[in-house]
Amino acid sequence: HGSMLCGLVAHLDDCREGRSVFAGVVNTESMCTMQEESEAQYIGDHFANDWQHLVDNLSSNSEDLAVALHTLLSRMGLETGDLPRGRPDGHSLVSWECLDLQLRNSWETTIEAAYLGPLF
């Protein structure tokens, strides 16, 4: 939901004029109610809920969570690439842009070892 919130900010003119930014990605046959209400309100409410769950799950507060996420993203942004972990061919950089299940698992292992572990 955080990425979607950034997407709304990047398309403020569309939002102001009532045009949907994410209509093409909503599964209308699911229980998702985004198409039935204000897209910005829906995404904002879900982001706030996600944020509160993170605060609760980490037994933290909003300010400390904001600092931790800022630190995490800053550290990740300084790197030019990450060597994949948990894969036999983990000796060279890979593109994380298009992930199959194996690459997704490797990405999670790599991010946890390189950034989350040292942070927490």
C-alpha atoms as a PDB file:
ATOM      1  CA  HIS A   1       0.000   0.000   0.000  1.00  0.00           C
ATOM      2  CA  GLY A   2       2.940   2.309   0.534  1.00  0.00           C
ATOM      3  CA  SER A   3       3.970   1.980  -3.108  1.00  0.00           C
ATOM      4  CA  MET A   4       0.426   2.644  -4.208  1.00  0.00           C
ATOM      5  CA  LEU A   5       0.288   5.741  -2.019  1.00  0.00           C
ATOM      6  CA  CYS A   6       3.466   6.985  -3.727  1.00  0.00           C
ATOM      7  CA  GLY A   7       1.813   6.243  -7.079  1.00  0.00           C
ATOM      8  CA  LEU A   8      -1.140   8.431  -6.149  1.00  0.00           C
ATOM      9  CA  VAL A   9       1.175  11.264  -5.169  1.00  0.00           C
ATOM     10  CA  ALA A  10       2.978  10.910  -8.493  1.00  0.00           C
ATOM     11  CA  HIS A  11      -0.376  11.251 -10.302  1.00  0.00           C
ATOM     12  CA  LEU A  12      -2.019  14.008  -8.260  1.00  0.00           C
ATOM     13  CA  ASP A  13      -3.591  15.625 -11.316  1.00  0.00           C
ATOM     14  CA  ASP A  14      -5.424  12.391 -12.144  1.00  0.00           C
ATOM     15  CA  CYS A  15      -6.587  12.074  -8.538  1.00  0.00           C
ATOM     16  CA  ARG A  16      -7.817  15.671  -8.412  1.00  0.00           C
ATOM     17  CA  GLU A  17      -9.808  15.157 -11.590  1.00  0.00           C
ATOM     18  CA  GLY A  18     -11.345  11.933 -10.304  1.00  0.00           C
ATOM     19  CA  ARG A  19      -9.449   9.616 -12.653  1.00  0.00           C
ATOM     20  CA  SER A  20      -8.375   6.294 -11.201  1.00  0.00           C
ATOM     21  CA  VAL A  21      -4.680   5.502 -11.140  1.00  0.00           C
ATOM     22  CA  PHE A  22      -5.018   1.810 -10.290  1.00  0.00           C
ATOM     23  CA  ALA A  23      -8.315   0.744 -11.904  1.00  0.00           C
ATOM     24  CA  GLY A  24      -6.422  -1.519 -14.276  1.00  0.00           C
ATOM     25  CA  VAL A  25      -4.859  -3.584 -11.502  1.00  0.00           C
ATOM     26  CA  VAL A  26      -7.924  -4.133  -9.314  1.00  0.00           C
ATOM     27  CA  ASN A  27      -9.458  -7.589  -9.567  1.00  0.00           C
ATOM     28  CA  THR A  28     -13.129  -6.669  -9.789  1.00  0.00           C
ATOM     29  CA  GLU A  29     -14.111 -10.233  -8.904  1.00  0.00           C
ATOM     30  CA  SER A  30     -12.297 -10.100  -5.565  1.00  0.00           C
ATOM     31  CA  MET A  31     -13.463  -8.656  -2.261  1.00  0.00           C
ATOM     32  CA  CYS A  32     -11.450  -5.470  -2.931  1.00  0.00           C
ATOM     33  CA  THR A  33     -13.709  -2.436  -2.579  1.00  0.00           C
ATOM     34  CA  MET A  34     -11.290   0.128  -4.007  1.00  0.00           C
ATOM     35  CA  GLN A  35     -13.402   0.619  -7.137  1.00  0.00           C
ATOM     36  CA  GLU A  36     -16.454   1.401  -4.978  1.00  0.00           C
ATOM     37  CA  GLU A  37     -14.981   4.336  -3.049  1.00  0.00           C
ATOM     38  CA  SER A  38     -12.363   7.052  -3.329  1.00  0.00           C
ATOM     39  CA  GLU A  39      -9.147   5.430  -4.479  1.00  0.00           C
ATOM     40  CA  ALA A  40      -7.044   7.826  -2.412  1.00  0.00           C
ATOM     41  CA  GLN A  41      -9.139   7.232   0.706  1.00  0.00           C
ATOM     42  CA  TYR A  42      -9.010   3.456   0.241  1.00  0.00           C
ATOM     43  CA  ILE A  43      -5.220   3.382  -0.232  1.00  0.00           C
ATOM     44  CA  GLY A  44      -4.597   5.923   2.533  1.00  0.00           C
ATOM     45  CA  ASP A  45      -6.712   3.949   4.993  1.00  0.00           C
ATOM     46  CA  HIS A  46      -4.953   0.696   4.104  1.00  0.00           C
ATOM     47  CA  PHE A  47      -1.535   2.330   4.430  1.00  0.00           C
ATOM     48  CA  ALA A  48      -2.470   3.694   7.876  1.00  0.00           C
ATOM     49  CA  ASN A  49      -3.664   0.227   8.887  1.00  0.00           C
ATOM     50  CA  ASP A  50      -0.452  -1.396   7.594  1.00  0.00           C
ATOM     51  CA  TRP A  51       1.610   1.194   9.461  1.00  0.00           C
ATOM     52  CA  GLN A  52      -0.231   0.542  12.717  1.00  0.00           C
ATOM     53  CA  HIS A  53       0.257  -3.214  12.323  1.00  0.00           C
ATOM     54  CA  LEU A  54       3.995  -2.663  11.839  1.00  0.00           C
ATOM     55  CA  VAL A  55       4.120  -0.487  14.961  1.00  0.00           C
ATOM     56  CA  ASP A  56       2.222  -3.102  16.969  1.00  0.00           C
ATOM     57  CA  ASN A  57       4.155  -6.104  15.628  1.00  0.00           C
ATOM     58  CA  LEU A  58       7.479  -4.439  16.384  1.00  0.00           C
ATOM     59  CA  SER A  59       6.288  -3.272  19.817  1.00  0.00           C
ATOM     60  CA  SER A  60       7.343   0.194  18.778  1.00  0.00           C
ATOM     61  CA  ASN A  61       5.875   3.613  18.046  1.00  0.00           C
ATOM     62  CA  SER A  62       5.320   5.577  14.827  1.00  0.00           C
ATOM     63  CA  GLU A  63       8.363   7.787  15.237  1.00  0.00           C
ATOM     64  CA  ASP A  64      10.804   4.912  15.807  1.00  0.00           C
ATOM     65  CA  LEU A  65       9.282   2.956  12.922  1.00  0.00           C
ATOM     66  CA  ALA A  66       9.699   5.960  10.621  1.00  0.00           C
ATOM     67  CA  VAL A  67      13.362   6.286  11.613  1.00  0.00           C
ATOM     68  CA  ALA A  68      13.959   2.545  11.126  1.00  0.00           C
ATOM     69  CA  LEU A  69      12.353   2.508   7.672  1.00  0.00           C
ATOM     70  CA  HIS A  70      14.205   5.664   6.661  1.00  0.00           C
ATOM     71  CA  THR A  71      17.492   4.071   7.765  1.00  0.00           C
ATOM     72  CA  LEU A  72      16.656   0.829   5.961  1.00  0.00           C
ATOM     73  CA  LEU A  73      15.763   2.547   2.683  1.00  0.00           C
ATOM     74  CA  SER A  74      18.788   4.863   2.913  1.00  0.00           C
ATOM     75  CA  ARG A  75      21.142   1.914   3.377  1.00  0.00           C
ATOM     76  CA  MET A  76      19.511   0.026   0.525  1.00  0.00           C
ATOM     77  CA  GLY A  77      19.752   3.085  -1.715  1.00  0.00           C
ATOM     78  CA  LEU A  78      23.482   3.422  -1.150  1.00  0.00           C
ATOM     79  CA  GLU A  79      24.189  -0.018  -2.580  1.00  0.00           C
ATOM     80  CA  THR A  80      24.656  -0.541  -6.295  1.00  0.00           C
ATOM     81  CA  GLY A  81      23.652  -4.177  -6.063  1.00  0.00           C
ATOM     82  CA  ASP A  82      23.258  -7.127  -3.743  1.00  0.00           C
ATOM     83  CA  LEU A  83      24.789 -10.549  -4.105  1.00  0.00           C
ATOM     84  CA  PRO A  84      21.957 -13.069  -3.869  1.00  0.00           C
ATOM     85  CA  ARG A  85      22.017 -15.368  -0.875  1.00  0.00           C
ATOM     86  CA  GLY A  86      20.412 -18.766  -0.541  1.00  0.00           C
ATOM     87  CA  ARG A  87      21.087 -19.704  -4.178  1.00  0.00           C
ATOM     88  CA  PRO A  88      23.810 -21.946  -5.545  1.00  0.00           C
ATOM     89  CA  ASP A  89      24.796 -19.323  -8.134  1.00  0.00           C
ATOM     90  CA  GLY A  90      25.023 -16.549  -5.531  1.00  0.00           C
ATOM     91  CA  HIS A  91      28.377 -15.348  -6.770  1.00  0.00           C
ATOM     92  CA  SER A  92      27.158 -12.656  -9.162  1.00  0.00           C
ATOM     93  CA  LEU A  93      24.670  -9.826  -9.124  1.00  0.00           C
ATOM     94  CA  VAL A  94      21.207 -10.561 -10.478  1.00  0.00           C
ATOM     95  CA  SER A  95      18.330  -8.379 -11.578  1.00  0.00           C
ATOM     96  CA  TRP A  96      15.647  -8.215  -8.911  1.00  0.00           C
ATOM     97  CA  GLU A  97      13.182  -6.620 -11.332  1.00  0.00           C
ATOM     98  CA  CYS A  98      11.326  -9.720 -12.549  1.00  0.00           C
ATOM     99  CA  LEU A  99      11.025 -12.331  -9.818  1.00  0.00           C
ATOM    100  CA  ASP A 100       9.932 -15.937 -10.027  1.00  0.00           C
ATOM    101  CA  LEU A 101       9.345 -17.844  -6.776  1.00  0.00           C
ATOM    102  CA  GLN A 102      12.998 -18.906  -6.439  1.00  0.00           C
ATOM    103  CA  LEU A 103      14.273 -15.359  -7.006  1.00  0.00           C
ATOM    104  CA  ARG A 104      11.641 -13.946  -4.620  1.00  0.00           C
ATOM    105  CA  ASN A 105      12.832 -16.301  -1.876  1.00  0.00           C
ATOM    106  CA  SER A 106      16.447 -15.398  -2.633  1.00  0.00           C
ATOM    107  CA  TRP A 107      15.575 -11.683  -2.542  1.00  0.00           C
ATOM    108  CA  GLU A 108      13.938 -12.060   0.892  1.00  0.00           C
ATOM    109  CA  THR A 109      16.932 -13.969   2.251  1.00  0.00           C
ATOM    110  CA  THR A 110      19.345 -11.405   0.818  1.00  0.00           C
ATOM    111  CA  ILE A 111      17.462  -8.371   2.150  1.00  0.00           C
ATOM    112  CA  GLU A 112      17.115  -9.929   5.591  1.00  0.00           C
ATOM    113  CA  ALA A 113      20.810 -10.795   5.808  1.00  0.00           C
ATOM    114  CA  ALA A 114      22.142  -7.569   4.310  1.00  0.00           C
ATOM    115  CA  TYR A 115      19.781  -4.974   5.789  1.00  0.00           C
ATOM    116  CA  LEU A 116      17.137  -6.160   8.246  1.00  0.00           C
ATOM    117  CA  GLY A 117      19.389  -8.320  10.424  1.00  0.00           C
ATOM    118  CA  PRO A 118      21.941  -5.564  11.082  1.00  0.00           C
ATOM    119  CA  LEU A 119      19.180  -2.997  11.616  1.00  0.00           C
ATOM    120  CA  PHE A 120      17.317  -4.979  14.240  1.00  0.00           C
END
